[in-house]
Amino acid sequence: MKKSFLMLALFIFTNSVGAQTVGEKIVKYCKSQMGKKIDRGECWDLISAALNYAGATWNKYDVYGTVYDPKKEKIQVGDVIEMQNAKFEFEDGTWMKVVEHYAIVYEVGLDNKITIVHQNHNNIRKVQTLDLDLDGQTSGKLIFYRPS
């Protein structure tokens, strides 16, 4: 009996230590694709490939997970961001505006700062990262999804 219990405990421990969340799997995929063109090079193509790689549940069209409010819930790696007519102003005086763009949260920093991973930004159709200060958003809408 004691030996069976120890074996079960060891099995549970070893399987839980290496378990990755869906978000971590999404980011792992993105890291492995850095600098590469995914499919047609559209921003959506990266989202689709990363969600599929991670085994996420989504409708393969426009629902990437559960919508949440980042002011009420903590942003996590692997979350998907849909940007609609969003403009960001940066500390150095430069700015960025996107009409419709999709990205994945790659890293979460302090004070509302995140790093996103995306493609098809500034006519670069390869996977790349970009640091964003969410407090620098001056217009438009951001929709956050939590894949599962």
Protein backbone atom coordinates (compact mmCIF):
# COMPACT_ATOMS: atom_id res chain seq x y z
CA MET A 1 0.00 0.00 0.00
CA LYS A 2 2.78 2.41 0.98
CA LYS A 3 4.68 1.64 -2.25
CA SER A 4 1.55 2.27 -4.37
CA PHE A 5 0.97 5.61 -2.68
CA LEU A 6 4.58 6.69 -3.27
CA MET A 7 4.40 5.69 -6.93
CA LEU A 8 1.16 7.64 -7.38
CA ALA A 9 2.60 10.71 -5.65
CA LEU A 10 5.74 10.56 -7.81
CA PHE A 11 3.62 10.22 -10.98
CA ILE A 12 1.47 13.24 -10.08
CA PHE A 13 4.50 15.35 -9.13
CA THR A 14 6.51 14.60 -12.28
CA ASN A 15 3.53 15.22 -14.56
CA SER A 16 2.58 18.52 -12.90
CA VAL A 17 6.13 19.97 -12.82
CA GLY A 18 6.53 19.93 -16.60
CA ALA A 19 2.96 20.90 -17.48
CA GLN A 20 2.63 24.05 -19.55
CA THR A 21 -0.39 26.29 -19.75
CA VAL A 22 -1.99 26.97 -23.14
CA GLY A 23 -0.49 30.48 -22.98
CA GLU A 24 3.00 29.11 -22.37
CA LYS A 25 2.61 26.72 -25.31
CA ILE A 26 1.52 29.63 -27.53
CA VAL A 27 4.61 31.63 -26.57
CA LYS A 28 6.85 28.57 -27.02
CA TYR A 29 5.58 28.25 -30.59
CA CYS A 30 6.14 31.95 -31.28
CA LYS A 31 9.71 31.75 -29.95
CA SER A 32 10.41 28.84 -32.29
CA GLN A 33 9.12 30.87 -35.26
CA MET A 34 10.92 34.17 -34.54
CA GLY A 35 12.11 35.80 -37.77
CA LYS A 36 10.13 33.39 -39.95
CA LYS A 37 7.11 34.03 -42.16
CA ILE A 38 4.09 32.01 -41.06
CA ASP A 39 1.75 31.05 -43.92
CA ARG A 40 0.92 34.21 -45.93
CA GLY A 41 2.64 36.48 -43.41
CA GLU A 42 -0.60 38.04 -42.17
CA CYS A 43 -0.88 38.86 -38.45
CA TRP A 44 -3.85 36.48 -38.20
CA ASP A 45 -1.79 33.60 -39.63
CA LEU A 46 0.52 33.68 -36.60
CA ILE A 47 -2.45 33.69 -34.21
CA SER A 48 -4.02 30.71 -36.00
CA ALA A 49 -0.81 28.67 -36.08
CA ALA A 50 0.06 29.39 -32.43
CA LEU A 51 -3.42 28.54 -31.14
CA ASN A 52 -3.48 25.32 -33.17
CA TYR A 53 0.01 24.35 -31.96
CA ALA A 54 -1.06 24.87 -28.33
CA GLY A 55 -4.25 22.85 -28.79
CA ALA A 56 -6.36 25.87 -27.81
CA THR A 57 -10.12 25.78 -28.13
CA TRP A 58 -11.26 28.42 -30.62
CA ASN A 59 -13.68 28.76 -33.52
CA LYS A 60 -10.95 29.05 -36.22
CA TYR A 61 -12.32 32.44 -37.23
CA ASP A 62 -12.75 35.26 -34.75
CA VAL A 63 -13.11 33.94 -31.19
CA TYR A 64 -9.63 33.32 -29.76
CA GLY A 65 -10.67 32.53 -26.21
CA THR A 66 -12.59 34.20 -23.41
CA VAL A 67 -12.81 37.99 -23.67
CA TYR A 68 -11.66 39.75 -20.50
CA ASP A 69 -11.00 43.25 -19.17
CA PRO A 70 -7.26 43.79 -18.50
CA LYS A 71 -8.17 46.42 -15.89
CA LYS A 72 -9.93 43.72 -13.87
CA GLU A 73 -7.84 40.64 -14.69
CA LYS A 74 -4.09 40.19 -14.98
CA ILE A 75 -2.70 40.02 -18.52
CA GLN A 76 -0.90 36.71 -19.14
CA VAL A 77 1.56 35.43 -21.72
CA GLY A 78 -0.22 33.82 -24.64
CA ASP A 79 -3.23 36.12 -24.47
CA VAL A 80 -4.42 37.38 -27.86
CA ILE A 81 -4.97 41.09 -28.47
CA GLU A 82 -7.27 42.37 -31.20
CA MET A 83 -6.47 46.01 -32.04
CA GLN A 84 -9.10 48.14 -33.76
CA ASN A 85 -8.05 51.63 -34.94
CA ALA A 86 -5.57 51.69 -32.07
CA LYS A 87 -3.00 54.45 -31.74
CA PHE A 88 -0.07 54.32 -29.33
CA GLU A 89 2.27 57.18 -28.51
CA PHE A 90 5.75 56.29 -27.30
CA GLU A 91 8.00 58.10 -24.82
CA ASP A 92 10.41 59.13 -27.59
CA GLY A 93 7.64 61.06 -29.38
CA THR A 94 6.98 58.46 -32.08
CA TRP A 95 3.61 56.82 -32.54
CA MET A 96 2.01 53.79 -34.13
CA LYS A 97 -1.49 53.39 -35.52
CA VAL A 98 -3.07 50.12 -36.65
CA VAL A 99 -6.47 49.82 -38.28
CA GLU A 100 -6.92 46.12 -37.57
CA HIS A 101 -4.14 44.01 -36.11
CA TYR A 102 -3.75 40.88 -33.99
CA ALA A 103 -0.90 40.07 -31.63
CA ILE A 104 0.04 37.72 -28.81
CA VAL A 105 1.28 38.76 -25.38
CA TYR A 106 4.89 37.57 -25.33
CA GLU A 107 6.01 39.04 -21.98
CA VAL A 108 4.29 40.93 -19.20
CA GLY A 109 6.23 43.71 -17.53
CA LEU A 110 5.46 46.22 -14.82
CA ASP A 111 3.33 49.36 -14.99
CA ASN A 112 1.10 48.23 -17.86
CA LYS A 113 4.04 47.45 -20.15
CA ILE A 114 3.97 44.32 -22.31
CA THR A 115 5.91 42.82 -25.18
CA ILE A 116 3.83 41.49 -28.03
CA VAL A 117 4.78 39.04 -30.75
CA HIS A 118 3.21 39.49 -34.16
CA GLN A 119 3.86 39.60 -37.91
CA ASN A 120 2.92 41.92 -40.76
CA HIS A 121 3.85 45.09 -38.90
CA ASN A 122 5.57 47.91 -40.82
CA ASN A 123 5.37 45.70 -43.91
CA ILE A 124 7.55 43.06 -42.26
CA ARG A 125 5.82 39.73 -42.78
CA LYS A 126 7.96 37.84 -40.29
CA VAL A 127 7.44 37.04 -36.63
CA GLN A 128 8.87 39.80 -34.44
CA THR A 129 8.36 41.41 -31.03
CA LEU A 130 7.37 44.94 -30.04
CA ASP A 131 7.33 46.61 -26.62
CA LEU A 132 4.07 48.39 -25.81
CA ASP A 133 3.07 50.65 -22.96
CA LEU A 134 -0.68 50.18 -22.74
CA ASP A 135 -0.92 53.55 -20.98
CA GLY A 136 0.33 55.07 -24.26
CA GLN A 137 -2.85 54.08 -26.09
CA THR A 138 -4.52 57.33 -27.16
CA SER A 139 -7.36 56.02 -29.32
CA GLY A 140 -9.04 52.92 -30.66
CA LYS A 141 -10.01 49.70 -29.00
CA LEU A 142 -8.13 46.68 -27.67
CA ILE A 143 -9.91 43.38 -27.11
CA PHE A 144 -8.10 40.85 -24.92
CA TYR A 145 -8.74 37.11 -25.24
CA ARG A 146 -7.60 34.36 -22.87
CA PRO A 147 -7.11 31.13 -24.88
CA SER A 148 -7.85 27.84 -23.16
